Amino acid sequence: MIKAVIADDIQILRQGLKAILEQDDGIEVAGLAADGREAWQLCRKLKPDVVLMDMRMPQYDGSYGISRIKADFPDIRVLVLTTFDDRETVDAAVQGGADGYILKEMEDDKVIQSVKAVCAGIRVFGGSVFEGMRRQMALPGAKADLDLTPREMDIMRLVAQGMDNREIAAGLFLAEGTVRNNISRLLEKLKLKDRTQLAVFAVKNNLDV
């Protein structure tokens, strides 16, 4: 059972999202918060698996909530669910440690799928958000002539498709530890910070994702 907390300053939206998530028997909404600070406090009390976080809220916004939650509870996933996809807001969420970023216009079933995906360790970014990241995110080490092995190229493509280490290992007939080590070497070689940057790097360099 996935235990979730919802943070949004509009009560009717909190209640509506709670009703959507609890259509799925595998999700329980354990708490509702009106801002980022209250979401962090609920994390201390409830130890949820995931927090759905709006970004723009009075006083303690989503950036505050993400940063506090990730600092104190790094294993709790934070999925941003907001109406804003501008660069400044997306950058603030990603830099704070958000595990995913989707928009409130997304269909109900896809919201549920996104919650399950981030809880499984897969970073989720809505289509328009990912396109914006691809266009605007300047990544260190990006270059046209990549010094990568065929295996590294395959692994990077699958990371960009949203697969986790277990799925990549199964698809390439490798041990999960081998995949994990290859991703670590890729990040070091390309001077990238995490899987999200690796995925964006693959798209920017037209690696047939």
Foldseek 3Di string as FASTA:
>chain_A
DFEEEEEAQDVVVQVVLQVLLVVDVVYHDPYYHNALVVLLVVCVVPVGQEYAAEADGPPHGRLNNLLSCCVVPVRRAYEYEYQDQDPVSLVSCVVSPHQEYDYPVDDSVVVNVCVVLVSVVWRYYDDVNLVCCLVPPDFAQQDQDDPDDPVLLLLLQVLLVRDDLVVSCVVVVHDSVVSVVSVVVVCVVSVHDDSSVSNSSCVNNVSVD
